[in-house]
Amino acid sequence: MAGYRDLMRVLLKPLAVGGGAALILSASYDSAFAYLDPGTGSIILQSLIAGIIGSMAFARMYWTRLKDVLRRTFGNRNSDPKNQ
């Protein structure tokens, strides 16, 4: 398991540094002379729909784990003797 953590650390550190650099560089421009055509809007819409469907598929695959976490987090409030 330690090898997996080391591998993730090695892979994610350059991504975090690169993402931070991209964020700083993109925030430093005053104006971007960009044009968003309808094709760009459709790609953004497709990405949004794919993200929603992907998260639904992820939740479906791990539904029992998700139920257990929610049950432990919120619990059954009616069976608590303090609330009666």
Protein backbone atom coordinates (compact mmCIF):
# COMPACT_ATOMS: atom_id res chain seq x y z
CA MET A 1 0.00 0.00 0.00
CA ALA A 2 2.92 2.34 0.66
CA GLY A 3 4.06 1.96 -2.95
CA TYR A 4 0.65 3.11 -4.17
CA ARG A 5 0.76 6.21 -1.95
CA ASP A 6 4.25 7.08 -3.14
CA LEU A 7 3.18 6.67 -6.75
CA MET A 8 0.16 8.92 -6.23
CA ARG A 9 2.32 11.55 -4.55
CA VAL A 10 4.78 11.49 -7.44
CA LEU A 11 2.01 11.74 -10.03
CA LEU A 12 -0.16 14.35 -8.34
CA LYS A 13 2.52 16.84 -7.30
CA PRO A 14 3.37 17.96 -10.86
CA LEU A 15 -0.35 18.22 -11.64
CA ALA A 16 -0.92 20.46 -8.63
CA VAL A 17 2.06 22.66 -9.51
CA GLY A 18 1.00 22.88 -13.16
CA GLY A 19 -2.60 23.62 -12.23
CA GLY A 20 -1.52 26.35 -9.84
CA ALA A 21 0.72 27.90 -12.46
CA ALA A 22 -2.08 27.82 -15.04
CA LEU A 23 -4.45 29.46 -12.57
CA ILE A 24 -1.99 32.24 -11.77
CA LEU A 25 -1.22 32.86 -15.43
CA SER A 26 -4.88 32.91 -16.46
CA ALA A 27 -5.77 35.30 -13.64
CA SER A 28 -3.01 37.74 -14.59
CA TYR A 29 -4.48 38.74 -17.99
CA ASP A 30 -6.67 41.82 -18.18
CA SER A 31 -8.79 40.68 -21.10
CA ALA A 32 -8.96 37.68 -23.33
CA PHE A 33 -9.99 38.37 -26.91
CA ALA A 34 -11.89 35.12 -27.24
CA TYR A 35 -14.94 34.07 -29.18
CA LEU A 36 -17.23 31.32 -27.97
CA ASP A 37 -19.06 29.83 -30.91
CA PRO A 38 -22.06 27.46 -30.64
CA GLY A 39 -19.74 24.44 -30.92
CA THR A 40 -18.00 25.49 -27.71
CA GLY A 41 -21.34 25.84 -25.95
CA SER A 42 -22.39 22.38 -27.04
CA ILE A 43 -19.11 20.89 -25.75
CA ILE A 44 -19.64 22.61 -22.40
CA LEU A 45 -23.20 21.27 -22.26
CA GLN A 46 -22.04 17.75 -23.18
CA SER A 47 -19.37 17.90 -20.47
CA LEU A 48 -21.93 18.98 -17.91
CA ILE A 49 -24.33 16.20 -18.88
CA ALA A 50 -21.50 13.64 -18.90
CA GLY A 51 -20.43 14.76 -15.43
CA ILE A 52 -23.95 14.37 -14.08
CA ILE A 53 -24.43 10.95 -15.66
CA GLY A 54 -20.95 9.85 -14.56
CA SER A 55 -21.61 10.84 -10.97
CA MET A 56 -24.92 8.98 -11.10
CA ALA A 57 -23.15 5.86 -12.40
CA PHE A 58 -20.51 6.20 -9.67
CA ALA A 59 -23.22 6.52 -7.03
CA ARG A 60 -25.01 3.49 -8.48
CA MET A 61 -21.85 1.39 -8.35
CA TYR A 62 -21.13 2.31 -4.74
CA TRP A 63 -24.74 2.65 -3.55
CA THR A 64 -24.41 0.32 -0.55
CA ARG A 65 -21.27 2.07 0.67
CA LEU A 66 -22.96 5.43 0.18
CA LYS A 67 -26.04 4.23 2.09
CA ASP A 68 -23.89 3.02 4.97
CA VAL A 69 -22.04 6.33 5.18
CA LEU A 70 -25.28 8.32 5.09
CA ARG A 71 -26.88 6.02 7.65
CA ARG A 72 -23.90 6.43 9.99
CA THR A 73 -23.81 10.19 9.44
CA PHE A 74 -27.48 10.98 9.89
CA GLY A 75 -28.67 7.82 11.61
CA ASN A 76 -32.21 6.90 12.50
CA ARG A 77 -33.34 9.84 14.62
CA ASN A 78 -36.64 8.21 15.64
CA SER A 79 -34.97 5.34 17.49
CA ASP A 80 -32.75 7.63 19.59
CA PRO A 81 -33.93 7.45 23.24
CA LYS A 82 -32.84 11.03 23.90
CA ASN A 83 -35.34 12.41 21.36
CA GLN A 84 -38.36 10.57 22.84
